[in-house]
Amino acid sequence: MPRPLVPDRRARILDAAERMVLTDGFDAMSVAAIARAAGIGKGAVYLEFAAKRDILDALLQRGTSRIADAVARTAGPQPSLSALYRATAAALLATSS
């Protein structure tokens, strides 16, 4: 009988990896440690990502999307350059805390 799918598996992996990267750095984390922190098997991580570096790529893409979404919400549909700069600075500062 096949195992049931883990709900939000990709997000759980990325959340765990993000915590580890921010705490210990990319080089200190391993796929096995990410799997443990996400509460899933190591093989499940490899179903989502071919390698540890792919997890980092996904984290960078997710972070960039979060910042872009925050800037778009704050700056509005046709912001001035200064409004865009302020919104970007605020989004970057908010993500660093």
C-alpha atoms as a PDB file:
ATOM      1  CA  MET A   1       0.000   0.000   0.000  1.00  0.00           C
ATOM      2  CA  PRO A   2       1.527   3.391  -0.948  1.00  0.00           C
ATOM      3  CA  ARG A   3       2.263   5.955   1.711  1.00  0.00           C
ATOM      4  CA  PRO A   4      -0.093   8.936   1.894  1.00  0.00           C
ATOM      5  CA  LEU A   5       1.187  12.205   0.474  1.00  0.00           C
ATOM      6  CA  VAL A   6       2.448  14.765   2.955  1.00  0.00           C
ATOM      7  CA  PRO A   7       0.296  17.895   2.752  1.00  0.00           C
ATOM      8  CA  ASP A   8       2.317  20.970   1.766  1.00  0.00           C
ATOM      9  CA  ARG A   9       5.484  18.893   1.573  1.00  0.00           C
ATOM     10  CA  ARG A  10       7.398  21.449  -0.504  1.00  0.00           C
ATOM     11  CA  ALA A  11       6.476  24.326   1.831  1.00  0.00           C
ATOM     12  CA  ARG A  12       7.419  22.264   4.897  1.00  0.00           C
ATOM     13  CA  ILE A  13      10.809  21.493   3.379  1.00  0.00           C
ATOM     14  CA  LEU A  14      11.427  25.131   2.476  1.00  0.00           C
ATOM     15  CA  ASP A  15      10.289  26.379   5.891  1.00  0.00           C
ATOM     16  CA  ALA A  16      12.650  23.967   7.637  1.00  0.00           C
ATOM     17  CA  ALA A  17      15.521  24.809   5.291  1.00  0.00           C
ATOM     18  CA  GLU A  18      14.945  28.534   5.728  1.00  0.00           C
ATOM     19  CA  ARG A  19      15.150  28.241   9.522  1.00  0.00           C
ATOM     20  CA  MET A  20      18.350  26.214   9.216  1.00  0.00           C
ATOM     21  CA  VAL A  21      19.998  28.557   6.724  1.00  0.00           C
ATOM     22  CA  LEU A  22      19.206  31.595   8.853  1.00  0.00           C
ATOM     23  CA  THR A  23      20.400  29.897  12.043  1.00  0.00           C
ATOM     24  CA  ASP A  24      23.435  27.885  10.955  1.00  0.00           C
ATOM     25  CA  GLY A  25      24.150  28.793   7.330  1.00  0.00           C
ATOM     26  CA  PHE A  26      23.797  26.861   4.089  1.00  0.00           C
ATOM     27  CA  ASP A  27      26.983  24.817   4.445  1.00  0.00           C
ATOM     28  CA  ALA A  28      25.989  23.541   7.892  1.00  0.00           C
ATOM     29  CA  MET A  29      22.627  22.121   6.820  1.00  0.00           C
ATOM     30  CA  SER A  30      22.091  18.731   5.222  1.00  0.00           C
ATOM     31  CA  VAL A  31      19.191  17.132   3.384  1.00  0.00           C
ATOM     32  CA  ALA A  32      18.832  14.660   6.249  1.00  0.00           C
ATOM     33  CA  ALA A  33      18.612  17.498   8.796  1.00  0.00           C
ATOM     34  CA  ILE A  34      16.058  19.326   6.655  1.00  0.00           C
ATOM     35  CA  ALA A  35      13.967  16.162   6.428  1.00  0.00           C
ATOM     36  CA  ARG A  36      14.074  15.677  10.204  1.00  0.00           C
ATOM     37  CA  ALA A  37      13.119  19.305  10.839  1.00  0.00           C
ATOM     38  CA  ALA A  38      10.261  19.064   8.322  1.00  0.00           C
ATOM     39  CA  GLY A  39       9.031  15.809   9.869  1.00  0.00           C
ATOM     40  CA  ILE A  40       9.361  13.806   6.664  1.00  0.00           C
ATOM     41  CA  GLY A  41      11.692  11.207   5.217  1.00  0.00           C
ATOM     42  CA  LYS A  42      14.885  12.114   3.380  1.00  0.00           C
ATOM     43  CA  GLY A  43      13.533  10.465   0.236  1.00  0.00           C
ATOM     44  CA  ALA A  44      10.550  12.818   0.289  1.00  0.00           C
ATOM     45  CA  VAL A  45      12.930  15.771   0.125  1.00  0.00           C
ATOM     46  CA  TYR A  46      14.523  14.264  -2.969  1.00  0.00           C
ATOM     47  CA  LEU A  47      11.071  13.874  -4.544  1.00  0.00           C
ATOM     48  CA  GLU A  48      10.808  17.672  -4.433  1.00  0.00           C
ATOM     49  CA  PHE A  49      14.443  18.691  -4.966  1.00  0.00           C
ATOM     50  CA  ALA A  50      17.256  16.944  -6.794  1.00  0.00           C
ATOM     51  CA  ALA A  51      19.990  18.406  -4.562  1.00  0.00           C
ATOM     52  CA  LYS A  52      20.635  20.680  -1.607  1.00  0.00           C
ATOM     53  CA  ARG A  53      21.573  23.543  -3.939  1.00  0.00           C
ATOM     54  CA  ASP A  54      18.108  23.289  -5.548  1.00  0.00           C
ATOM     55  CA  ILE A  55      16.594  23.919  -2.129  1.00  0.00           C
ATOM     56  CA  LEU A  56      18.667  27.095  -1.832  1.00  0.00           C
ATOM     57  CA  ASP A  57      17.514  28.197  -5.287  1.00  0.00           C
ATOM     58  CA  ALA A  58      13.887  27.666  -4.256  1.00  0.00           C
ATOM     59  CA  LEU A  59      14.460  29.609  -1.019  1.00  0.00           C
ATOM     60  CA  LEU A  60      15.917  32.520  -2.965  1.00  0.00           C
ATOM     61  CA  GLN A  61      13.018  32.486  -5.420  1.00  0.00           C
ATOM     62  CA  ARG A  62      10.480  32.344  -2.588  1.00  0.00           C
ATOM     63  CA  GLY A  63      12.171  35.196  -0.738  1.00  0.00           C
ATOM     64  CA  THR A  64      12.341  37.321  -3.867  1.00  0.00           C
ATOM     65  CA  SER A  65       8.642  36.698  -4.531  1.00  0.00           C
ATOM     66  CA  ARG A  66       7.756  37.674  -0.962  1.00  0.00           C
ATOM     67  CA  ILE A  67       9.657  40.932  -1.298  1.00  0.00           C
ATOM     68  CA  ALA A  68       8.156  41.684  -4.725  1.00  0.00           C
ATOM     69  CA  ASP A  69       4.644  41.032  -3.388  1.00  0.00           C
ATOM     70  CA  ALA A  70       5.231  43.295  -0.397  1.00  0.00           C
ATOM     71  CA  VAL A  71       6.570  46.061  -2.642  1.00  0.00           C
ATOM     72  CA  ALA A  72       3.604  45.753  -5.001  1.00  0.00           C
ATOM     73  CA  ARG A  73       1.114  45.926  -2.103  1.00  0.00           C
ATOM     74  CA  THR A  74       2.834  48.918  -0.522  1.00  0.00           C
ATOM     75  CA  ALA A  75       3.807  50.950  -3.574  1.00  0.00           C
ATOM     76  CA  GLY A  76       0.566  50.569  -5.499  1.00  0.00           C
ATOM     77  CA  PRO A  77      -0.065  50.086  -9.225  1.00  0.00           C
ATOM     78  CA  GLN A  78       1.950  53.025 -10.641  1.00  0.00           C
ATOM     79  CA  PRO A  79       4.422  54.142  -7.980  1.00  0.00           C
ATOM     80  CA  SER A  80       6.903  56.936  -8.315  1.00  0.00           C
ATOM     81  CA  LEU A  81      10.547  55.959  -8.174  1.00  0.00           C
ATOM     82  CA  SER A  82      10.877  57.279  -4.620  1.00  0.00           C
ATOM     83  CA  ALA A  83       7.744  55.375  -3.492  1.00  0.00           C
ATOM     84  CA  LEU A  84       9.128  52.216  -5.066  1.00  0.00           C
ATOM     85  CA  TYR A  85      12.470  52.740  -3.313  1.00  0.00           C
ATOM     86  CA  ARG A  86      10.766  53.284   0.065  1.00  0.00           C
ATOM     87  CA  ALA A  87       8.547  50.220  -0.390  1.00  0.00           C
ATOM     88  CA  THR A  88      11.534  48.076  -1.368  1.00  0.00           C
ATOM     89  CA  ALA A  89      13.599  49.289   1.587  1.00  0.00           C
ATOM     90  CA  ALA A  90      10.693  48.613   3.963  1.00  0.00           C
ATOM     91  CA  ALA A  91      10.198  45.105   2.540  1.00  0.00           C
ATOM     92  CA  LEU A  92      13.891  44.287   2.865  1.00  0.00           C
ATOM     93  CA  LEU A  93      14.006  45.542   6.432  1.00  0.00           C
ATOM     94  CA  ALA A  94      10.875  43.577   7.322  1.00  0.00           C
ATOM     95  CA  THR A  95      12.354  40.327   6.003  1.00  0.00           C
ATOM     96  CA  SER A  96      15.607  40.769   7.906  1.00  0.00           C
ATOM     97  CA  SER A  97      13.958  40.658  11.318  1.00  0.00           C
END
